Amino acid sequence: METVFYILAKCVRIILDVISLSMMIRMLLPIFADVEDNRLYMLSVTVTEPLIIPVRIVLDMLGIGENTPLDMGFLTTYFLLAIIDLFLPII
């Protein structure tokens, strides 16, 4: 049973790492390159947007971040992923 939990935690950690990397690419690539036709940027948007949309909806319902220039949904999602990663068993 311990092996099953180890494999599950390892898989979740890999998925979280891929999503975090995609979020970093999505955040930093527009600074350095034109992202209009960039496939890497479009891939990162495709990977991260299904996670960001529900957080944006909740933040909009609560009225949080309406008058800020920052994308609060993106930041909140990134912090939630980091918190989930902290609660995974150390492997």
PDB file of N, CA and C in Angstrom:
ATOM      1  N   MET A   1       0.825  -1.199   0.000  1.00  0.00           N
ATOM      2  CA  MET A   1       0.000   0.000   0.000  1.00  0.00           C
ATOM      3  C   MET A   1       0.863   1.255   0.000  1.00  0.00           C
ATOM      4  N   GLU A   2       2.000   1.176   0.673  1.00  0.00           N
ATOM      5  CA  GLU A   2       2.899   2.323   0.714  1.00  0.00           C
ATOM      6  C   GLU A   2       3.455   2.635  -0.669  1.00  0.00           C
ATOM      7  N   THR A   3       3.687   1.610  -1.459  1.00  0.00           N
ATOM      8  CA  THR A   3       4.196   1.784  -2.815  1.00  0.00           C
ATOM      9  C   THR A   3       3.179   2.506  -3.691  1.00  0.00           C
ATOM     10  N   VAL A   4       1.904   2.196  -3.500  1.00  0.00           N
ATOM     11  CA  VAL A   4       0.848   2.845  -4.278  1.00  0.00           C
ATOM     12  C   VAL A   4       0.813   4.339  -3.964  1.00  0.00           C
ATOM     13  N   PHE A   5       0.905   4.694  -2.679  1.00  0.00           N
ATOM     14  CA  PHE A   5       0.914   6.101  -2.298  1.00  0.00           C
ATOM     15  C   PHE A   5       2.153   6.817  -2.827  1.00  0.00           C
ATOM     16  N   TYR A   6       3.269   6.129  -2.835  1.00  0.00           N
ATOM     17  CA  TYR A   6       4.501   6.705  -3.362  1.00  0.00           C
ATOM     18  C   TYR A   6       4.357   7.012  -4.850  1.00  0.00           C
ATOM     19  N   ILE A   7       3.830   6.067  -5.606  1.00  0.00           N
ATOM     20  CA  ILE A   7       3.657   6.249  -7.047  1.00  0.00           C
ATOM     21  C   ILE A   7       2.644   7.360  -7.326  1.00  0.00           C
ATOM     22  N   LEU A   8       1.551   7.378  -6.572  1.00  0.00           N
ATOM     23  CA  LEU A   8       0.543   8.410  -6.747  1.00  0.00           C
ATOM     24  C   LEU A   8       1.110   9.796  -6.444  1.00  0.00           C
ATOM     25  N   ALA A   9       1.829   9.925  -5.346  1.00  0.00           N
ATOM     26  CA  ALA A   9       2.425  11.211  -4.983  1.00  0.00           C
ATOM     27  C   ALA A   9       3.457  11.653  -6.010  1.00  0.00           C
ATOM     28  N   LYS A  10       4.227  10.721  -6.517  1.00  0.00           N
ATOM     29  CA  LYS A  10       5.230  11.042  -7.535  1.00  0.00           C
ATOM     30  C   LYS A  10       4.563  11.524  -8.822  1.00  0.00           C
ATOM     31  N   CYS A  11       3.492  10.875  -9.241  1.00  0.00           N
ATOM     32  CA  CYS A  11       2.764  11.291 -10.444  1.00  0.00           C
ATOM     33  C   CYS A  11       2.153  12.676 -10.277  1.00  0.00           C
ATOM     34  N   VAL A  12       1.550  12.922  -9.128  1.00  0.00           N
ATOM     35  CA  VAL A  12       0.960  14.235  -8.867  1.00  0.00           C
ATOM     36  C   VAL A  12       2.044  15.305  -8.853  1.00  0.00           C
ATOM     37  N   ARG A  13       3.186  15.014  -8.259  1.00  0.00           N
ATOM     38  CA  ARG A  13       4.280  15.979  -8.227  1.00  0.00           C
ATOM     39  C   ARG A  13       4.789  16.286  -9.634  1.00  0.00           C
ATOM     40  N   ILE A  14       4.881  15.284 -10.496  1.00  0.00           N
ATOM     41  CA  ILE A  14       5.323  15.513 -11.881  1.00  0.00           C
ATOM     42  C   ILE A  14       4.314  16.382 -12.623  1.00  0.00           C
ATOM     43  N   ILE A  15       3.041  16.102 -12.450  1.00  0.00           N
ATOM     44  CA  ILE A  15       2.000  16.911 -13.095  1.00  0.00           C
ATOM     45  C   ILE A  15       2.053  18.348 -12.598  1.00  0.00           C
ATOM     46  N   LEU A  16       2.218  18.542 -11.301  1.00  0.00           N
ATOM     47  CA  LEU A  16       2.318  19.902 -10.753  1.00  0.00           C
ATOM     48  C   LEU A  16       3.555  20.622 -11.271  1.00  0.00           C
ATOM     49  N   ASP A  17       4.646  19.917 -11.434  1.00  0.00           N
ATOM     50  CA  ASP A  17       5.856  20.527 -11.981  1.00  0.00           C
ATOM     51  C   ASP A  17       5.654  20.968 -13.426  1.00  0.00           C
ATOM     52  N   VAL A  18       4.994  20.148 -14.212  1.00  0.00           N
ATOM     53  CA  VAL A  18       4.727  20.503 -15.609  1.00  0.00           C
ATOM     54  C   VAL A  18       3.809  21.725 -15.684  1.00  0.00           C
ATOM     55  N   ILE A  19       2.791  21.752 -14.846  1.00  0.00           N
ATOM     56  CA  ILE A  19       1.868  22.889 -14.839  1.00  0.00           C
ATOM     57  C   ILE A  19       2.581  24.156 -14.368  1.00  0.00           C
ATOM     58  N   SER A  20       3.410  24.045 -13.340  1.00  0.00           N
ATOM     59  CA  SER A  20       4.154  25.209 -12.860  1.00  0.00           C
ATOM     60  C   SER A  20       5.114  25.730 -13.917  1.00  0.00           C
ATOM     61  N   LEU A  21       5.784  24.837 -14.610  1.00  0.00           N
ATOM     62  CA  LEU A  21       6.675  25.248 -15.689  1.00  0.00           C
ATOM     63  C   LEU A  21       5.887  25.930 -16.808  1.00  0.00           C
ATOM     64  N   SER A  22       4.730  25.397 -17.134  1.00  0.00           N
ATOM     65  CA  SER A  22       3.884  26.013 -18.159  1.00  0.00           C
ATOM     66  C   SER A  22       3.433  27.405 -17.731  1.00  0.00           C
ATOM     67  N   MET A  23       3.143  27.572 -16.462  1.00  0.00           N
ATOM     68  CA  MET A  23       2.735  28.886 -15.973  1.00  0.00           C
ATOM     69  C   MET A  23       3.896  29.881 -16.037  1.00  0.00           C
ATOM     70  N   MET A  24       5.102  29.423 -15.738  1.00  0.00           N
ATOM     71  CA  MET A  24       6.269  30.299 -15.843  1.00  0.00           C
ATOM     72  C   MET A  24       6.526  30.698 -17.301  1.00  0.00           C
ATOM     73  N   ILE A  25       6.392  29.747 -18.202  1.00  0.00           N
ATOM     74  CA  ILE A  25       6.557  30.051 -19.630  1.00  0.00           C
ATOM     75  C   ILE A  25       5.505  31.057 -20.066  1.00  0.00           C
ATOM     76  N   ARG A  26       4.281  30.841 -19.629  1.00  0.00           N
ATOM     77  CA  ARG A  26       3.192  31.746 -19.991  1.00  0.00           C
ATOM     78  C   ARG A  26       3.420  33.148 -19.445  1.00  0.00           C
ATOM     79  N   MET A  27       4.028  33.249 -18.294  1.00  0.00           N
ATOM     80  CA  MET A  27       4.257  34.546 -17.680  1.00  0.00           C
ATOM     81  C   MET A  27       5.461  35.260 -18.298  1.00  0.00           C
ATOM     82  N   LEU A  28       6.542  34.544 -18.561  1.00  0.00           N
ATOM     83  CA  LEU A  28       7.783  35.184 -18.966  1.00  0.00           C
ATOM     84  C   LEU A  28       7.971  35.330 -20.480  1.00  0.00           C
ATOM     85  N   LEU A  29       7.424  34.443 -21.264  1.00  0.00           N
ATOM     86  CA  LEU A  29       7.657  34.467 -22.702  1.00  0.00           C
ATOM     87  C   LEU A  29       7.185  35.749 -23.379  1.00  0.00           C
ATOM     88  N   PRO A  30       6.044  36.323 -22.995  1.00  0.00           N
ATOM     89  CA  PRO A  30       5.640  37.581 -23.650  1.00  0.00           C
ATOM     90  C   PRO A  30       6.616  38.737 -23.426  1.00  0.00           C
ATOM     91  N   ILE A  31       7.429  38.666 -22.400  1.00  0.00           N
ATOM     92  CA  ILE A  31       8.404  39.720 -22.139  1.00  0.00           C
ATOM     93  C   ILE A  31       9.523  39.673 -23.174  1.00  0.00           C
ATOM     94  N   PHE A  32       9.910  38.490 -23.586  1.00  0.00           N
ATOM     95  CA  PHE A  32      11.089  38.322 -24.425  1.00  0.00           C
ATOM     96  C   PHE A  32      10.800  38.033 -25.893  1.00  0.00           C
ATOM     97  N   ALA A  33       9.593  37.643 -26.236  1.00  0.00           N
ATOM     98  CA  ALA A  33       9.323  37.249 -27.615  1.00  0.00           C
ATOM     99  C   ALA A  33       7.895  37.629 -28.001  1.00  0.00           C
ATOM    100  N   ASP A  34       7.672  37.653 -29.295  1.00  0.00           N
ATOM    101  CA  ASP A  34       6.328  37.867 -29.820  1.00  0.00           C
ATOM    102  C   ASP A  34       5.557  36.552 -29.681  1.00  0.00           C
ATOM    103  N   VAL A  35       4.451  36.594 -28.970  1.00  0.00           N
ATOM    104  CA  VAL A  35       3.746  35.349 -28.649  1.00  0.00           C
ATOM    105  C   VAL A  35       2.530  35.093 -29.535  1.00  0.00           C
ATOM    106  N   GLU A  36       2.320  35.950 -30.504  1.00  0.00           N
ATOM    107  CA  GLU A  36       1.124  35.811 -31.320  1.00  0.00           C
ATOM    108  C   GLU A  36       1.056  34.464 -32.035  1.00  0.00           C
ATOM    109  N   ASP A  37       2.166  34.011 -32.605  1.00  0.00           N
ATOM    110  CA  ASP A  37       2.184  32.729 -33.313  1.00  0.00           C
ATOM    111  C   ASP A  37       3.145  31.731 -32.668  1.00  0.00           C
ATOM    112  N   ASN A  38       3.472  31.933 -31.425  1.00  0.00           N
ATOM    113  CA  ASN A  38       4.446  31.082 -30.742  1.00  0.00           C
ATOM    114  C   ASN A  38       3.758  29.817 -30.243  1.00  0.00           C
ATOM    115  N   ARG A  39       4.223  28.666 -30.703  1.00  0.00           N
ATOM    116  CA  ARG A  39       3.594  27.386 -30.334  1.00  0.00           C
ATOM    117  C   ARG A  39       3.820  27.034 -28.869  1.00  0.00           C
ATOM    118  N   LEU A  40       4.983  27.372 -28.343  1.00  0.00           N
ATOM    119  CA  LEU A  40       5.262  27.085 -26.939  1.00  0.00           C
ATOM    120  C   LEU A  40       4.323  27.869 -26.030  1.00  0.00           C
ATOM    121  N   TYR A  41       4.091  29.125 -26.375  1.00  0.00           N
ATOM    122  CA  TYR A  41       3.177  29.949 -25.594  1.00  0.00           C
ATOM    123  C   TYR A  41       1.751  29.402 -25.679  1.00  0.00           C
ATOM    124  N   MET A  42       1.326  29.032 -26.878  1.00  0.00           N
ATOM    125  CA  MET A  42      -0.025  28.495 -27.047  1.00  0.00           C
ATOM    126  C   MET A  42      -0.201  27.177 -26.285  1.00  0.00           C
ATOM    127  N   LEU A  43       0.845  26.359 -26.252  1.00  0.00           N
ATOM    128  CA  LEU A  43       0.795  25.121 -25.475  1.00  0.00           C
ATOM    129  C   LEU A  43       0.661  25.430 -23.986  1.00  0.00           C
ATOM    130  N   SER A  44       1.412  26.408 -23.513  1.00  0.00           N
ATOM    131  CA  SER A  44       1.337  26.756 -22.092  1.00  0.00           C
ATOM    132  C   SER A  44      -0.037  27.318 -21.734  1.00  0.00           C
ATOM    133  N   VAL A  45      -0.638  28.077 -22.634  1.00  0.00           N
ATOM    134  CA  VAL A  45      -1.995  28.585 -22.392  1.00  0.00           C
ATOM    135  C   VAL A  45      -2.988  27.433 -22.360  1.00  0.00           C
ATOM    136  N   THR A  46      -2.833  26.488 -23.265  1.00  0.00           N
ATOM    137  CA  THR A  46      -3.729  25.335 -23.322  1.00  0.00           C
ATOM    138  C   THR A  46      -3.634  24.483 -22.064  1.00  0.00           C
ATOM    139  N   VAL A  47      -2.436  24.360 -21.511  1.00  0.00           N
ATOM    140  CA  VAL A  47      -2.244  23.544 -20.307  1.00  0.00           C
ATOM    141  C   VAL A  47      -2.766  24.266 -19.069  1.00  0.00           C
ATOM    142  N   THR A  48      -2.553  25.563 -18.980  1.00  0.00           N
ATOM    143  CA  THR A  48      -2.849  26.279 -17.731  1.00  0.00           C
ATOM    144  C   THR A  48      -4.255  26.876 -17.661  1.00  0.00           C
ATOM    145  N   GLU A  49      -4.838  27.214 -18.776  1.00  0.00           N
ATOM    146  CA  GLU A  49      -6.124  27.913 -18.748  1.00  0.00           C
ATOM    147  C   GLU A  49      -7.245  27.114 -18.070  1.00  0.00           C
ATOM    148  N   PRO A  50      -7.348  25.790 -18.246  1.00  0.00           N
ATOM    149  CA  PRO A  50      -8.407  25.063 -17.525  1.00  0.00           C
ATOM    150  C   PRO A  50      -8.278  25.142 -16.000  1.00  0.00           C
ATOM    151  N   LEU A  51      -7.099  25.419 -15.500  1.00  0.00           N
ATOM    152  CA  LEU A  51      -6.930  25.574 -14.058  1.00  0.00           C
ATOM    153  C   LEU A  51      -7.193  26.998 -13.599  1.00  0.00           C
ATOM    154  N   ILE A  52      -6.912  27.966 -14.452  1.00  0.00           N
ATOM    155  CA  ILE A  52      -7.032  29.367 -14.071  1.00  0.00           C
ATOM    156  C   ILE A  52      -8.483  29.842 -14.145  1.00  0.00           C
ATOM    157  N   ILE A  53      -9.242  29.367 -15.106  1.00  0.00           N
ATOM    158  CA  ILE A  53     -10.621  29.839 -15.300  1.00  0.00           C
ATOM    159  C   ILE A  53     -11.496  29.661 -14.051  1.00  0.00           C
ATOM    160  N   PRO A  54     -11.518  28.491 -13.395  1.00  0.00           N
ATOM    161  CA  PRO A  54     -12.363  28.375 -12.188  1.00  0.00           C
ATOM    162  C   PRO A  54     -11.932  29.334 -11.072  1.00  0.00           C
ATOM    163  N   VAL A  55     -10.645  29.564 -10.949  1.00  0.00           N
ATOM    164  CA  VAL A  55     -10.171  30.494  -9.919  1.00  0.00           C
ATOM    165  C   VAL A  55     -10.611  31.914 -10.259  1.00  0.00           C
ATOM    166  N   ARG A  56     -10.539  32.285 -11.530  1.00  0.00           N
ATOM    167  CA  ARG A  56     -11.000  33.615 -11.945  1.00  0.00           C
ATOM    168  C   ARG A  56     -12.488  33.787 -11.671  1.00  0.00           C
ATOM    169  N   ILE A  57     -13.265  32.755 -11.922  1.00  0.00           N
ATOM    170  CA  ILE A  57     -14.706  32.831 -11.682  1.00  0.00           C
ATOM    171  C   ILE A  57     -14.985  33.065 -10.205  1.00  0.00           C
ATOM    172  N   VAL A  58     -14.299  32.323  -9.340  1.00  0.00           N
ATOM    173  CA  VAL A  58     -14.497  32.484  -7.890  1.00  0.00           C
ATOM    174  C   VAL A  58     -14.065  33.880  -7.445  1.00  0.00           C
ATOM    175  N   LEU A  59     -12.933  34.345  -7.941  1.00  0.00           N
ATOM    176  CA  LEU A  59     -12.460  35.680  -7.569  1.00  0.00           C
ATOM    177  C   LEU A  59     -13.414  36.767  -8.062  1.00  0.00           C
ATOM    178  N   ASP A  60     -13.989  36.589  -9.241  1.00  0.00           N
ATOM    179  CA  ASP A  60     -14.970  37.553  -9.750  1.00  0.00           C
ATOM    180  C   ASP A  60     -16.236  37.562  -8.897  1.00  0.00           C
ATOM    181  N   MET A  61     -16.676  36.378  -8.464  1.00  0.00           N
ATOM    182  CA  MET A  61     -17.864  36.314  -7.607  1.00  0.00           C
ATOM    183  C   MET A  61     -17.620  36.988  -6.265  1.00  0.00           C
ATOM    184  N   LEU A  62     -16.390  36.888  -5.767  1.00  0.00           N
ATOM    185  CA  LEU A  62     -16.049  37.510  -4.495  1.00  0.00           C
ATOM    186  C   LEU A  62     -15.657  38.979  -4.640  1.00  0.00           C
ATOM    187  N   GLY A  63     -15.453  39.428  -5.869  1.00  0.00           N
ATOM    188  CA  GLY A  63     -15.077  40.815  -6.112  1.00  0.00           C
ATOM    189  C   GLY A  63     -13.628  41.119  -5.778  1.00  0.00           C
ATOM    190  N   ILE A  64     -12.781  40.110  -5.837  1.00  0.00           N
ATOM    191  CA  ILE A  64     -11.362  40.281  -5.490  1.00  0.00           C
ATOM    192  C   ILE A  64     -10.573  40.564  -6.765  1.00  0.00           C
ATOM    193  N   GLY A  65      -9.736  41.587  -6.707  1.00  0.00           N
ATOM    194  CA  GLY A  65      -8.834  41.898  -7.809  1.00  0.00           C
ATOM    195  C   GLY A  65      -9.467  42.607  -8.984  1.00  0.00           C
ATOM    196  N   GLU A  66     -10.596  43.256  -8.771  1.00  0.00           N
ATOM    197  CA  GLU A  66     -11.269  43.926  -9.877  1.00  0.00           C
ATOM    198  C   GLU A  66     -10.502  45.153 -10.366  1.00  0.00           C
ATOM    199  N   ASN A  67      -9.900  45.899  -9.464  1.00  0.00           N
ATOM    200  CA  ASN A  67      -9.249  47.147  -9.830  1.00  0.00           C
ATOM    201  C   ASN A  67      -7.737  47.064  -9.786  1.00  0.00           C
ATOM    202  N   THR A  68      -7.189  45.893 -10.020  1.00  0.00           N
ATOM    203  CA  THR A  68      -5.744  45.732 -10.000  1.00  0.00           C
ATOM    204  C   THR A  68      -5.235  45.425 -11.407  1.00  0.00           C
ATOM    205  N   PRO A  69      -4.038  45.891 -11.724  1.00  0.00           N
ATOM    206  CA  PRO A  69      -3.477  45.580 -13.045  1.00  0.00           C
ATOM    207  C   PRO A  69      -2.925  44.159 -13.137  1.00  0.00           C
ATOM    208  N   LEU A  70      -2.843  43.461 -12.006  1.00  0.00           N
ATOM    209  CA  LEU A  70      -2.333  42.092 -11.987  1.00  0.00           C
ATOM    210  C   LEU A  70      -3.446  41.103 -12.284  1.00  0.00           C
ATOM    211  N   ASP A  71      -3.077  39.996 -12.883  1.00  0.00           N
ATOM    212  CA  ASP A  71      -4.028  38.916 -13.124  1.00  0.00           C
ATOM    213  C   ASP A  71      -4.107  38.092 -11.842  1.00  0.00           C
ATOM    214  N   MET A  72      -5.080  38.419 -11.013  1.00  0.00           N
ATOM    215  CA  MET A  72      -5.201  37.766  -9.708  1.00  0.00           C
ATOM    216  C   MET A  72      -5.540  36.280  -9.849  1.00  0.00           C
ATOM    217  N   GLY A  73      -6.273  35.913 -10.873  1.00  0.00           N
ATOM    218  CA  GLY A  73      -6.589  34.503 -11.088  1.00  0.00           C
ATOM    219  C   GLY A  73      -5.334  33.684 -11.354  1.00  0.00           C
ATOM    220  N   PHE A  74      -4.433  34.236 -12.152  1.00  0.00           N
ATOM    221  CA  PHE A  74      -3.173  33.565 -12.450  1.00  0.00           C
ATOM    222  C   PHE A  74      -2.328  33.423 -11.190  1.00  0.00           C
ATOM    223  N   LEU A  75      -2.170  34.513 -10.447  1.00  0.00           N
ATOM    224  CA  LEU A  75      -1.356  34.472  -9.232  1.00  0.00           C
ATOM    225  C   LEU A  75      -1.938  33.534  -8.182  1.00  0.00           C
ATOM    226  N   THR A  76      -3.232  33.592  -8.001  1.00  0.00           N
ATOM    227  CA  THR A  76      -3.876  32.727  -7.014  1.00  0.00           C
ATOM    228  C   THR A  76      -3.731  31.256  -7.395  1.00  0.00           C
ATOM    229  N   THR A  77      -3.892  30.951  -8.674  1.00  0.00           N
ATOM    230  CA  THR A  77      -3.723  29.573  -9.134  1.00  0.00           C
ATOM    231  C   THR A  77      -2.304  29.088  -8.889  1.00  0.00           C
ATOM    232  N   TYR A  78      -1.329  29.936  -9.183  1.00  0.00           N
ATOM    233  CA  TYR A  78       0.068  29.555  -8.972  1.00  0.00           C
ATOM    234  C   TYR A  78       0.342  29.281  -7.488  1.00  0.00           C
ATOM    235  N   PHE A  79      -0.177  30.149  -6.614  1.00  0.00           N
ATOM    236  CA  PHE A  79       0.019  29.929  -5.183  1.00  0.00           C
ATOM    237  C   PHE A  79      -0.714  28.688  -4.682  1.00  0.00           C
ATOM    238  N   LEU A  80      -1.890  28.416  -5.209  1.00  0.00           N
ATOM    239  CA  LEU A  80      -2.615  27.199  -4.825  1.00  0.00           C
ATOM    240  C   LEU A  80      -1.844  25.947  -5.238  1.00  0.00           C
ATOM    241  N   LEU A  81      -1.257  25.968  -6.426  1.00  0.00           N
ATOM    242  CA  LEU A  81      -0.440  24.831  -6.859  1.00  0.00           C
ATOM    243  C   LEU A  81       0.778  24.646  -5.966  1.00  0.00           C
ATOM    244  N   ALA A  82       1.383  25.756  -5.544  1.00  0.00           N
ATOM    245  CA  ALA A  82       2.539  25.671  -4.650  1.00  0.00           C
ATOM    246  C   ALA A  82       2.137  25.106  -3.293  1.00  0.00           C
ATOM    247  N   ILE A  83       0.978  25.482  -2.793  1.00  0.00           N
ATOM    248  CA  ILE A  83       0.503  24.962  -1.508  1.00  0.00           C
ATOM    249  C   ILE A  83       0.203  23.472  -1.610  1.00  0.00           C
ATOM    250  N   ILE A  84      -0.430  23.058  -2.705  1.00  0.00           N
ATOM    251  CA  ILE A  84      -0.691  21.630  -2.907  1.00  0.00           C
ATOM    252  C   ILE A  84       0.615  20.853  -2.952  1.00  0.00           C
ATOM    253  N   ASP A  85       1.606  21.415  -3.622  1.00  0.00           N
ATOM    254  CA  ASP A  85       2.916  20.763  -3.709  1.00  0.00           C
ATOM    255  C   ASP A  85       3.567  20.636  -2.330  1.00  0.00           C
ATOM    256  N   LEU A  86       3.347  21.608  -1.472  1.00  0.00           N
ATOM    257  CA  LEU A  86       3.902  21.540  -0.120  1.00  0.00           C
ATOM    258  C   LEU A  86       3.283  20.418   0.712  1.00  0.00           C
ATOM    259  N   PHE A  87       2.012  20.136   0.473  1.00  0.00           N
ATOM    260  CA  PHE A  87       1.331  19.123   1.265  1.00  0.00           C
ATOM    261  C   PHE A  87       1.565  17.697   0.780  1.00  0.00           C
ATOM    262  N   LEU A  88       2.191  17.560  -0.392  1.00  0.00           N
ATOM    263  CA  LEU A  88       2.526  16.206  -0.857  1.00  0.00           C
ATOM    264  C   LEU A  88       3.634  15.635   0.018  1.00  0.00           C
ATOM    265  N   PRO A  89       3.636  14.357   0.212  1.00  0.00           N
ATOM    266  CA  PRO A  89       4.714  13.757   1.008  1.00  0.00           C
ATOM    267  C   PRO A  89       6.063  14.010   0.348  1.00  0.00           C
ATOM    268  N   ILE A  90       7.060  14.204   1.160  1.00  0.00           N
ATOM    269  CA  ILE A  90       8.403  14.426   0.646  1.00  0.00           C
ATOM    270  C   ILE A  90       8.932  13.121   0.082  1.00  0.00           C
ATOM    271  N   ILE A  91       9.362  13.190  -1.171  1.00  0.00           N
ATOM    272  CA  ILE A  91       9.818  11.982  -1.858  1.00  0.00           C
ATOM    273  C   ILE A  91      11.279  12.154  -2.218  1.00  0.00           C
TER     274      ILE A  91
END
